């Protein structure tokens, strides 16, 4: 009796596809010959496994968010993988497959510029922080935020105490940097904190 092969879950199929693409396409050609955004996408999906290609892809993603100028960390319009709807910079990405949108939309970027200073018995607070995210149409956008309202992972990844910010006692002199967070195909998150 014939039994059809069991179908793997979508996340496993995507991981296998990503691994196969990385192994076949990136290892066969010199690193300068492939679009770095394809490597960022594939390596990000795999959790940035140890390889020269993925190390270069991660370094480029971090370089893009390190001032100045700040660029979107993943620029799918530069990756010609044949995905429908992946247009040029400034064009909307209407029909991005959910498998790709999962990785793009899982990227969070906090540009933190925050400080507290005690003066004459009061605390002067400077907070020009903002969050960078991808909109549904694929455009990378910024919006202002109050860092005191940031999720716990922002404080733990950057090493700044939430209590010091909430207490407003002037104990945070200057907190400035870029905090990048992303997720892989298993939903695991990773962060990179870059002070400047």
N, C-alpha and C. Protein backbone atom coordinates (compact mmCIF):
# COMPACT_ATOMS: atom_id res chain seq x y z
N UNK A 1 0.83 -1.17 0.00
CA UNK A 1 0.00 0.00 0.00
C UNK A 1 0.89 1.24 0.00
N UNK A 2 0.58 2.16 -0.90
CA UNK A 2 1.35 3.40 -1.01
C UNK A 2 0.92 4.39 0.06
N UNK A 3 1.89 4.98 0.71
CA UNK A 3 1.62 6.02 1.71
C UNK A 3 2.32 7.30 1.28
N UNK A 4 1.56 8.36 1.16
CA UNK A 4 2.14 9.65 0.76
C UNK A 4 3.08 10.14 1.85
N UNK A 5 4.19 10.75 1.46
CA UNK A 5 5.10 11.28 2.47
C UNK A 5 4.41 12.36 3.31
N UNK A 6 4.77 12.36 4.59
CA UNK A 6 4.20 13.34 5.51
C UNK A 6 4.76 14.73 5.20
N UNK A 7 3.88 15.70 5.18
CA UNK A 7 4.27 17.08 4.87
C UNK A 7 4.85 17.74 6.12
N UNK A 8 6.01 18.37 5.95
CA UNK A 8 6.65 19.08 7.06
C UNK A 8 5.91 20.37 7.36
N UNK A 9 5.95 20.84 8.61
CA UNK A 9 5.35 22.14 8.93
C UNK A 9 6.01 23.23 8.10
N UNK A 10 5.27 24.30 7.86
CA UNK A 10 5.73 25.39 7.01
C UNK A 10 7.05 25.98 7.50
N UNK A 11 7.20 26.13 8.83
CA UNK A 11 8.45 26.73 9.34
C UNK A 11 9.65 25.83 9.06
N UNK A 12 9.46 24.50 9.12
CA UNK A 12 10.56 23.58 8.82
C UNK A 12 10.89 23.62 7.34
N UNK A 13 9.86 23.70 6.49
CA UNK A 13 10.11 23.78 5.05
C UNK A 13 10.86 25.06 4.72
N UNK A 14 10.47 26.17 5.35
CA UNK A 14 11.14 27.44 5.09
C UNK A 14 12.60 27.39 5.57
N UNK A 15 12.82 26.77 6.72
CA UNK A 15 14.19 26.64 7.23
C UNK A 15 15.04 25.79 6.30
N UNK A 16 14.47 24.70 5.81
CA UNK A 16 15.20 23.84 4.89
C UNK A 16 15.51 24.58 3.60
N UNK A 17 14.52 25.35 3.11
CA UNK A 17 14.73 26.13 1.90
C UNK A 17 15.83 27.17 2.12
N UNK A 18 15.77 27.87 3.23
CA UNK A 18 16.78 28.89 3.53
C UNK A 18 18.17 28.26 3.62
N UNK A 19 18.27 27.13 4.30
CA UNK A 19 19.56 26.46 4.43
C UNK A 19 20.08 26.00 3.08
N UNK A 20 19.20 25.46 2.26
CA UNK A 20 19.60 25.00 0.93
C UNK A 20 20.06 26.16 0.06
N UNK A 21 19.31 27.26 0.12
CA UNK A 21 19.70 28.43 -0.67
C UNK A 21 21.05 28.99 -0.23
N UNK A 22 21.23 29.08 1.09
CA UNK A 22 22.50 29.58 1.59
C UNK A 22 23.64 28.67 1.16
N UNK A 23 23.44 27.37 1.35
CA UNK A 23 24.50 26.42 1.03
C UNK A 23 24.82 26.40 -0.47
N UNK A 24 23.78 26.39 -1.30
CA UNK A 24 24.03 26.27 -2.73
C UNK A 24 24.45 27.57 -3.39
N UNK A 25 23.78 28.66 -3.06
CA UNK A 25 24.06 29.89 -3.78
C UNK A 25 25.23 30.68 -3.23
N UNK A 26 25.37 30.74 -1.92
CA UNK A 26 26.42 31.58 -1.35
C UNK A 26 27.79 30.92 -1.35
N UNK A 27 27.83 29.62 -1.14
CA UNK A 27 29.14 28.98 -1.06
C UNK A 27 29.75 28.77 -2.44
N UNK A 28 28.94 28.82 -3.50
CA UNK A 28 29.45 28.56 -4.83
C UNK A 28 30.02 29.80 -5.50
N UNK A 29 29.74 30.98 -4.96
CA UNK A 29 30.20 32.21 -5.60
C UNK A 29 30.92 33.08 -4.60
N UNK A 30 31.81 33.94 -5.07
CA UNK A 30 32.52 34.83 -4.14
C UNK A 30 31.55 35.74 -3.39
N UNK A 31 31.93 36.12 -2.18
CA UNK A 31 31.05 36.92 -1.32
C UNK A 31 30.62 38.23 -1.96
N UNK A 32 31.46 38.85 -2.77
CA UNK A 32 31.12 40.14 -3.38
C UNK A 32 30.13 39.98 -4.53
N UNK A 33 29.87 38.75 -5.00
CA UNK A 33 29.05 38.53 -6.18
C UNK A 33 27.56 38.40 -5.90
N UNK A 34 27.12 38.30 -4.66
CA UNK A 34 25.69 38.16 -4.37
C UNK A 34 25.20 39.39 -3.63
N UNK A 35 23.90 39.72 -3.79
CA UNK A 35 23.34 40.87 -3.07
C UNK A 35 23.33 40.60 -1.56
N UNK A 36 23.87 41.52 -0.82
CA UNK A 36 24.00 41.34 0.63
C UNK A 36 22.64 41.22 1.30
N UNK A 37 21.60 41.87 0.74
CA UNK A 37 20.28 41.78 1.36
C UNK A 37 19.68 40.38 1.25
N UNK A 38 20.02 39.63 0.21
CA UNK A 38 19.59 38.23 0.14
C UNK A 38 20.25 37.45 1.26
N UNK A 39 21.53 37.71 1.48
CA UNK A 39 22.25 37.03 2.56
C UNK A 39 21.70 37.42 3.92
N UNK A 40 21.37 38.71 4.11
CA UNK A 40 20.80 39.15 5.39
C UNK A 40 19.50 38.40 5.65
N UNK A 41 18.62 38.33 4.65
CA UNK A 41 17.34 37.65 4.81
C UNK A 41 17.53 36.17 5.15
N UNK A 42 18.35 35.49 4.38
CA UNK A 42 18.54 34.05 4.59
C UNK A 42 19.24 33.75 5.91
N UNK A 43 20.26 34.52 6.23
CA UNK A 43 20.99 34.29 7.48
C UNK A 43 20.15 34.66 8.69
N UNK A 44 19.36 35.74 8.58
CA UNK A 44 18.48 36.15 9.66
C UNK A 44 17.48 35.02 9.95
N UNK A 45 16.93 34.42 8.89
CA UNK A 45 15.98 33.31 9.06
C UNK A 45 16.61 32.14 9.80
N UNK A 46 17.89 31.91 9.54
CA UNK A 46 18.60 30.80 10.19
C UNK A 46 19.23 31.17 11.51
N UNK A 47 19.02 32.38 12.00
CA UNK A 47 19.61 32.79 13.27
C UNK A 47 21.07 33.18 13.13
N UNK A 48 21.49 33.62 11.96
CA UNK A 48 22.87 33.98 11.66
C UNK A 48 23.84 32.86 12.06
N UNK A 49 23.75 31.71 11.37
CA UNK A 49 24.68 30.62 11.67
C UNK A 49 26.13 31.02 11.37
N UNK A 50 27.06 30.31 11.98
CA UNK A 50 28.47 30.63 11.82
C UNK A 50 28.93 30.31 10.41
N UNK A 51 29.22 31.34 9.64
CA UNK A 51 29.79 31.22 8.30
C UNK A 51 30.30 32.59 7.91
N UNK A 52 31.26 32.65 7.00
CA UNK A 52 31.75 33.97 6.58
C UNK A 52 30.64 34.82 5.94
N UNK A 53 29.75 34.19 5.17
CA UNK A 53 28.67 34.92 4.51
C UNK A 53 27.71 35.52 5.53
N UNK A 54 27.34 34.73 6.54
CA UNK A 54 26.39 35.22 7.54
C UNK A 54 27.03 36.24 8.47
N UNK A 55 28.31 36.09 8.74
CA UNK A 55 29.02 37.10 9.54
C UNK A 55 29.04 38.44 8.79
N UNK A 56 29.27 38.39 7.48
CA UNK A 56 29.27 39.61 6.67
C UNK A 56 27.87 40.21 6.61
N UNK A 57 26.85 39.37 6.50
CA UNK A 57 25.47 39.84 6.43
C UNK A 57 25.07 40.53 7.75
N UNK A 58 25.42 39.92 8.87
CA UNK A 58 25.09 40.51 10.17
C UNK A 58 25.84 41.83 10.38
N UNK A 59 27.10 41.86 9.99
CA UNK A 59 27.89 43.09 10.12
C UNK A 59 27.29 44.22 9.29
N UNK A 60 26.81 43.89 8.08
CA UNK A 60 26.19 44.91 7.23
C UNK A 60 24.88 45.41 7.83
N UNK A 61 24.08 44.50 8.38
CA UNK A 61 22.81 44.90 9.00
C UNK A 61 23.07 45.86 10.16
N UNK A 62 24.06 45.56 10.97
CA UNK A 62 24.40 46.41 12.11
C UNK A 62 25.02 47.73 11.64
N UNK A 63 25.85 47.68 10.60
CA UNK A 63 26.44 48.91 10.07
C UNK A 63 25.36 49.89 9.60
N UNK A 64 24.30 49.36 9.01
CA UNK A 64 23.24 50.20 8.48
C UNK A 64 22.51 50.98 9.58
N UNK A 65 22.43 50.43 10.76
CA UNK A 65 21.68 51.10 11.83
C UNK A 65 22.58 51.90 12.76
N UNK A 66 23.87 51.89 12.48
CA UNK A 66 24.81 52.65 13.30
C UNK A 66 24.98 54.03 12.67
N UNK A 67 24.70 55.07 13.42
CA UNK A 67 24.72 56.42 12.84
C UNK A 67 26.07 56.75 12.21
N UNK A 68 26.03 57.61 11.37
CA UNK A 68 25.10 58.24 10.46
C UNK A 68 25.46 57.89 9.04
N UNK A 69 24.55 57.83 8.08
CA UNK A 69 23.09 57.90 8.24
C UNK A 69 22.54 56.55 8.68
N UNK A 70 21.37 56.56 9.25
CA UNK A 70 20.71 55.32 9.65
C UNK A 70 19.89 54.85 8.45
N UNK A 71 20.08 53.59 8.09
CA UNK A 71 19.36 52.99 6.97
C UNK A 71 18.48 51.86 7.49
N UNK A 72 17.47 51.44 6.72
CA UNK A 72 16.70 50.25 7.11
C UNK A 72 17.64 49.05 7.18
N UNK A 73 17.53 48.22 8.22
CA UNK A 73 18.45 47.09 8.36
C UNK A 73 18.31 46.03 7.27
N UNK A 74 17.10 45.81 6.78
CA UNK A 74 16.85 44.84 5.71
C UNK A 74 16.19 45.58 4.56
N UNK A 75 16.81 45.54 3.41
CA UNK A 75 16.32 46.28 2.24
C UNK A 75 15.97 45.26 1.15
N UNK A 76 14.78 44.70 1.25
CA UNK A 76 14.37 43.62 0.35
C UNK A 76 14.33 44.03 -1.11
N UNK A 77 14.16 45.30 -1.40
CA UNK A 77 14.14 45.75 -2.79
C UNK A 77 15.48 45.55 -3.47
N UNK A 78 16.53 45.27 -2.69
CA UNK A 78 17.85 45.02 -3.25
C UNK A 78 18.16 43.53 -3.40
N UNK A 79 17.20 42.69 -3.09
CA UNK A 79 17.40 41.24 -3.16
C UNK A 79 16.56 40.67 -4.30
N UNK A 80 17.17 40.33 -5.42
CA UNK A 80 16.41 39.84 -6.57
C UNK A 80 16.16 38.33 -6.51
N UNK A 81 15.50 37.87 -5.47
CA UNK A 81 15.23 36.43 -5.34
C UNK A 81 13.98 36.02 -6.10
N UNK A 82 13.40 36.91 -6.86
CA UNK A 82 12.22 36.56 -7.63
C UNK A 82 10.95 36.61 -6.82
N UNK A 83 10.98 37.27 -5.66
CA UNK A 83 9.78 37.35 -4.84
C UNK A 83 8.83 38.37 -5.43
N UNK A 84 7.55 38.04 -5.55
CA UNK A 84 6.61 39.02 -6.08
C UNK A 84 6.45 40.19 -5.14
N UNK A 85 6.36 41.38 -5.71
CA UNK A 85 6.07 42.55 -4.91
C UNK A 85 7.27 43.20 -4.26
N UNK A 86 8.47 42.67 -4.47
CA UNK A 86 9.64 43.30 -3.87
C UNK A 86 10.11 44.38 -4.83
N UNK A 87 9.74 45.61 -4.54
CA UNK A 87 10.03 46.72 -5.45
C UNK A 87 11.27 47.48 -5.02
N UNK A 88 11.49 48.61 -5.67
CA UNK A 88 12.65 49.43 -5.37
C UNK A 88 12.44 50.27 -4.13
N UNK A 89 13.51 50.93 -3.70
CA UNK A 89 13.43 51.80 -2.53
C UNK A 89 12.37 52.86 -2.77
N UNK A 90 11.53 53.08 -1.80
CA UNK A 90 10.49 54.07 -1.93
C UNK A 90 9.22 53.55 -2.57
N UNK A 91 9.24 52.31 -3.08
CA UNK A 91 8.01 51.75 -3.64
C UNK A 91 7.39 50.83 -2.61
N UNK A 92 6.09 50.77 -2.62
CA UNK A 92 5.38 49.92 -1.66
C UNK A 92 5.57 48.46 -2.03
N UNK A 93 5.65 47.62 -1.04
CA UNK A 93 5.76 46.19 -1.25
C UNK A 93 4.39 45.60 -0.94
N UNK A 94 3.59 45.45 -1.97
CA UNK A 94 2.20 45.06 -1.80
C UNK A 94 2.02 43.57 -1.53
N UNK A 95 2.69 42.73 -2.31
CA UNK A 95 2.39 41.30 -2.29
C UNK A 95 3.53 40.47 -1.72
N UNK A 96 4.15 40.95 -0.69
CA UNK A 96 5.26 40.21 -0.09
C UNK A 96 4.72 38.94 0.54
N UNK A 97 5.28 37.79 0.18
CA UNK A 97 4.79 36.53 0.77
C UNK A 97 4.91 36.57 2.30
N UNK A 98 3.96 35.94 3.00
CA UNK A 98 3.99 35.97 4.47
C UNK A 98 5.29 35.42 5.05
N UNK A 99 5.91 34.47 4.35
CA UNK A 99 7.17 33.89 4.85
C UNK A 99 8.28 34.93 4.92
N UNK A 100 8.29 35.88 3.98
CA UNK A 100 9.29 36.95 4.00
C UNK A 100 8.87 38.08 4.93
N UNK A 101 7.59 38.40 4.92
CA UNK A 101 7.09 39.47 5.80
C UNK A 101 7.34 39.14 7.26
N UNK A 102 7.31 37.86 7.63
CA UNK A 102 7.55 37.43 9.01
C UNK A 102 8.91 37.94 9.50
N UNK A 103 9.94 37.80 8.67
CA UNK A 103 11.29 38.22 9.08
C UNK A 103 11.42 39.74 9.05
N UNK A 104 10.92 40.36 7.98
CA UNK A 104 10.99 41.82 7.89
C UNK A 104 10.25 42.47 9.06
N UNK A 105 9.04 42.00 9.34
CA UNK A 105 8.22 42.61 10.38
C UNK A 105 8.70 42.27 11.79
N UNK A 106 9.56 41.27 11.91
CA UNK A 106 10.11 40.89 13.21
C UNK A 106 11.29 41.74 13.64
N UNK A 107 11.71 42.67 12.79
CA UNK A 107 12.85 43.53 13.11
C UNK A 107 12.34 44.76 13.87
N UNK A 108 12.97 45.04 15.02
CA UNK A 108 12.66 46.24 15.80
C UNK A 108 13.95 47.02 16.00
N UNK A 109 13.86 48.31 15.89
CA UNK A 109 15.03 49.16 16.04
C UNK A 109 14.69 50.31 16.98
N UNK A 110 15.43 50.40 18.07
CA UNK A 110 15.27 51.51 19.02
C UNK A 110 16.48 52.42 18.88
N UNK A 111 16.24 53.68 18.54
CA UNK A 111 17.27 54.71 18.53
C UNK A 111 17.08 55.47 19.85
N UNK A 112 17.96 55.21 20.79
CA UNK A 112 17.78 55.74 22.14
C UNK A 112 18.68 56.95 22.35
N UNK A 113 18.05 58.05 22.69
CA UNK A 113 18.75 59.26 23.11
C UNK A 113 18.01 59.74 24.36
N UNK A 114 18.59 59.45 25.51
CA UNK A 114 17.91 59.72 26.77
C UNK A 114 18.91 60.17 27.82
N UNK A 115 18.51 61.11 28.63
CA UNK A 115 19.36 61.55 29.73
C UNK A 115 18.54 62.17 30.85
N UNK A 116 19.08 62.09 32.07
CA UNK A 116 18.48 62.73 33.24
C UNK A 116 19.57 63.54 33.93
N UNK A 117 19.21 64.72 34.39
CA UNK A 117 20.17 65.55 35.11
C UNK A 117 19.47 66.26 36.25
N UNK A 118 20.04 66.14 37.45
CA UNK A 118 19.51 66.85 38.63
C UNK A 118 19.98 68.29 38.59
N UNK A 119 19.03 69.19 38.83
CA UNK A 119 19.37 70.61 38.83
C UNK A 119 18.36 71.33 39.72
N UNK A 120 18.86 71.99 40.76
CA UNK A 120 18.01 72.75 41.68
C UNK A 120 16.88 71.92 42.27
N UNK A 121 17.18 70.68 42.62
CA UNK A 121 16.17 69.82 43.26
C UNK A 121 15.18 69.18 42.31
N UNK A 122 15.32 69.45 41.02
CA UNK A 122 14.44 68.82 40.04
C UNK A 122 15.28 68.02 39.05
N UNK A 123 14.63 67.17 38.32
CA UNK A 123 15.32 66.36 37.32
C UNK A 123 14.91 66.83 35.93
N UNK A 124 15.90 67.22 35.14
CA UNK A 124 15.65 67.57 33.75
C UNK A 124 15.81 66.30 32.91
N UNK A 125 14.81 66.01 32.10
CA UNK A 125 14.83 64.80 31.29
C UNK A 125 14.87 65.17 29.82
N UNK A 126 15.78 64.54 29.10
CA UNK A 126 15.84 64.66 27.65
C UNK A 126 15.54 63.28 27.08
N UNK A 127 14.51 63.19 26.26
CA UNK A 127 14.16 61.91 25.65
C UNK A 127 13.74 62.16 24.20
N UNK A 128 14.68 61.88 23.30
CA UNK A 128 14.40 62.00 21.87
C UNK A 128 14.45 60.62 21.21
N UNK A 129 14.04 59.61 21.94
CA UNK A 129 14.09 58.23 21.45
C UNK A 129 13.00 57.99 20.42
N UNK A 130 13.27 57.03 19.55
CA UNK A 130 12.28 56.66 18.54
C UNK A 130 12.42 55.19 18.19
N UNK A 131 11.36 54.66 17.61
CA UNK A 131 11.31 53.25 17.22
C UNK A 131 11.23 53.18 15.70
N UNK A 132 12.05 52.32 15.10
CA UNK A 132 12.00 52.08 13.67
C UNK A 132 11.38 50.72 13.40
N UNK A 133 10.34 50.69 12.57
CA UNK A 133 9.69 49.43 12.22
C UNK A 133 9.31 49.47 10.75
N UNK A 134 8.95 48.31 10.24
CA UNK A 134 8.46 48.21 8.87
C UNK A 134 6.93 48.27 8.89
N UNK A 135 6.37 49.14 8.05
CA UNK A 135 4.92 49.22 7.90
C UNK A 135 4.45 48.05 7.04
N UNK A 136 3.15 47.85 7.00
CA UNK A 136 2.59 46.74 6.23
C UNK A 136 2.95 46.81 4.74
N UNK A 137 3.16 48.03 4.24
CA UNK A 137 3.50 48.17 2.82
C UNK A 137 5.01 48.02 2.57
N UNK A 138 5.78 47.73 3.62
CA UNK A 138 7.20 47.49 3.47
C UNK A 138 8.08 48.71 3.70
N UNK A 139 7.49 49.86 3.89
CA UNK A 139 8.28 51.07 4.13
C UNK A 139 8.81 51.06 5.57
N UNK A 140 10.05 51.48 5.72
CA UNK A 140 10.64 51.59 7.05
C UNK A 140 10.28 52.95 7.61
N UNK A 141 9.68 52.98 8.78
CA UNK A 141 9.20 54.23 9.36
C UNK A 141 9.72 54.41 10.79
N UNK A 142 9.77 55.65 11.21
CA UNK A 142 10.17 56.01 12.57
C UNK A 142 8.98 56.65 13.28
N UNK A 143 8.89 56.39 14.57
CA UNK A 143 7.92 57.13 15.39
C UNK A 143 8.56 57.38 16.75
N UNK A 144 8.24 58.53 17.31
CA UNK A 144 8.78 58.90 18.61
C UNK A 144 8.21 58.02 19.71
N UNK A 145 8.99 57.85 20.76
CA UNK A 145 8.54 57.06 21.90
C UNK A 145 9.14 57.62 23.18
N UNK A 146 8.52 57.31 24.29
CA UNK A 146 9.10 57.63 25.60
C UNK A 146 9.80 56.36 26.07
N UNK A 147 11.07 56.47 26.35
CA UNK A 147 11.85 55.28 26.69
C UNK A 147 11.36 54.65 28.00
N UNK A 148 10.76 55.43 28.87
CA UNK A 148 10.23 54.86 30.11
C UNK A 148 9.12 53.86 29.83
N UNK A 149 8.49 53.93 28.63
CA UNK A 149 7.43 53.00 28.26
C UNK A 149 7.93 51.82 27.45
N UNK A 150 9.24 51.73 27.25
CA UNK A 150 9.81 50.64 26.44
C UNK A 150 9.62 49.29 27.14
N UNK A 151 9.57 48.21 26.36
CA UNK A 151 9.45 46.89 26.97
C UNK A 151 10.71 46.51 27.75
N UNK A 152 10.57 45.54 28.63
CA UNK A 152 11.68 45.13 29.51
C UNK A 152 12.94 44.73 28.74
N UNK A 153 12.78 44.09 27.57
CA UNK A 153 13.95 43.61 26.84
C UNK A 153 14.87 44.77 26.43
N UNK A 154 14.34 45.97 26.23
CA UNK A 154 15.16 47.13 25.87
C UNK A 154 16.13 47.45 27.00
N UNK A 155 15.64 47.39 28.23
CA UNK A 155 16.49 47.69 29.38
C UNK A 155 17.52 46.59 29.62
N UNK A 156 17.09 45.33 29.54
CA UNK A 156 18.04 44.24 29.79
C UNK A 156 19.09 44.15 28.69
N UNK A 157 18.73 44.38 27.44
CA UNK A 157 19.70 44.30 26.35
C UNK A 157 20.71 45.43 26.37
N UNK A 158 20.30 46.60 26.85
CA UNK A 158 21.20 47.76 26.86
C UNK A 158 21.93 47.91 28.18
N UNK A 159 21.48 47.20 29.21
CA UNK A 159 22.16 47.27 30.50
C UNK A 159 21.79 48.47 31.35
N UNK A 160 20.73 49.18 30.99
CA UNK A 160 20.28 50.33 31.78
C UNK A 160 19.12 49.89 32.66
N UNK A 161 19.12 50.33 33.90
CA UNK A 161 18.09 49.94 34.85
C UNK A 161 16.79 50.70 34.59
N UNK A 162 15.70 49.96 34.47
CA UNK A 162 14.39 50.59 34.33
C UNK A 162 14.09 51.44 35.56
N UNK A 163 14.49 50.95 36.74
CA UNK A 163 14.24 51.69 37.98
C UNK A 163 14.92 53.06 37.97
N UNK A 164 16.13 53.14 37.41
CA UNK A 164 16.83 54.42 37.35
C UNK A 164 16.07 55.41 36.47
N UNK A 165 15.47 54.92 35.40
CA UNK A 165 14.70 55.79 34.52
C UNK A 165 13.39 56.20 35.18
N UNK A 166 12.71 55.26 35.80
CA UNK A 166 11.42 55.57 36.42
C UNK A 166 11.56 56.45 37.66
N UNK A 167 12.67 56.29 38.40
CA UNK A 167 12.86 57.06 39.63
C UNK A 167 13.15 58.53 39.35
N UNK A 168 13.69 58.83 38.16
CA UNK A 168 14.00 60.21 37.78
C UNK A 168 14.86 60.91 38.83
N UNK A 169 15.91 60.23 39.25
CA UNK A 169 16.79 60.80 40.27
C UNK A 169 18.07 61.38 39.68
N UNK A 170 18.11 61.49 38.36
CA UNK A 170 19.29 62.06 37.73
C UNK A 170 20.44 61.08 37.62
N UNK A 171 20.18 59.78 37.79
CA UNK A 171 21.26 58.80 37.77
C UNK A 171 21.58 58.30 36.36
N UNK A 172 20.82 58.71 35.35
CA UNK A 172 21.10 58.31 33.98
C UNK A 172 21.64 59.55 33.25
N UNK A 173 22.96 59.65 33.15
CA UNK A 173 23.55 60.85 32.57
C UNK A 173 23.26 60.95 31.08
N UNK A 174 23.68 59.97 30.31
CA UNK A 174 23.38 59.96 28.89
C UNK A 174 23.35 58.51 28.42
N UNK A 175 22.24 58.17 27.88
CA UNK A 175 22.02 56.82 27.37
C UNK A 175 21.75 56.99 25.90
N UNK A 176 22.71 56.60 25.07
CA UNK A 176 22.56 56.84 23.64
C UNK A 176 23.10 55.65 22.87
N UNK A 177 22.32 55.20 21.90
CA UNK A 177 22.75 54.10 21.07
C UNK A 177 21.62 53.55 20.22
N UNK A 178 21.94 52.49 19.49
CA UNK A 178 20.98 51.80 18.64
C UNK A 178 20.81 50.39 19.18
N UNK A 179 19.56 49.98 19.32
CA UNK A 179 19.26 48.64 19.80
C UNK A 179 18.43 47.94 18.72
N UNK A 180 18.99 46.89 18.17
CA UNK A 180 18.37 46.15 17.08
C UNK A 180 17.96 44.78 17.59
N UNK A 181 16.73 44.39 17.30
CA UNK A 181 16.23 43.07 17.69
C UNK A 181 15.57 42.42 16.48
N UNK A 182 15.80 41.11 16.32
CA UNK A 182 15.22 40.36 15.21
C UNK A 182 14.85 38.96 15.68
N UNK A 183 14.09 38.23 14.83
CA UNK A 183 13.71 36.86 15.18
C UNK A 183 14.04 35.92 14.02
N UNK A 184 14.32 34.65 14.38
CA UNK A 184 14.64 33.65 13.37
C UNK A 184 13.42 32.79 13.06
N UNK A 185 13.61 31.71 12.28
CA UNK A 185 12.48 30.88 11.85
C UNK A 185 11.80 30.15 13.00
N UNK A 186 12.47 30.00 14.12
CA UNK A 186 11.87 29.33 15.28
C UNK A 186 11.22 30.31 16.24
N UNK A 187 11.28 31.59 15.92
CA UNK A 187 10.70 32.61 16.79
C UNK A 187 11.66 33.09 17.87
N UNK A 188 12.90 32.59 17.87
CA UNK A 188 13.90 33.06 18.83
C UNK A 188 14.31 34.48 18.49
N UNK A 189 14.47 35.31 19.51
CA UNK A 189 14.89 36.69 19.27
C UNK A 189 16.35 36.88 19.68
N UNK A 190 17.00 37.79 18.98
CA UNK A 190 18.37 38.18 19.30
C UNK A 190 18.44 39.69 19.26
N UNK A 191 19.35 40.25 20.05
CA UNK A 191 19.51 41.70 20.11
C UNK A 191 20.97 42.08 19.89
N UNK A 192 21.16 43.27 19.41
CA UNK A 192 22.49 43.85 19.29
C UNK A 192 22.41 45.30 19.76
N UNK A 193 23.20 45.65 20.76
CA UNK A 193 23.22 47.00 21.34
C UNK A 193 24.51 47.68 20.90
N UNK A 194 24.38 48.84 20.25
CA UNK A 194 25.54 49.58 19.78
C UNK A 194 25.50 50.97 20.39
N UNK A 195 26.41 51.23 21.34
CA UNK A 195 26.51 52.57 21.95
C UNK A 195 27.30 53.48 21.04
N UNK A 196 26.97 54.73 21.08
CA UNK A 196 27.77 55.71 20.33
C UNK A 196 27.79 57.03 21.08
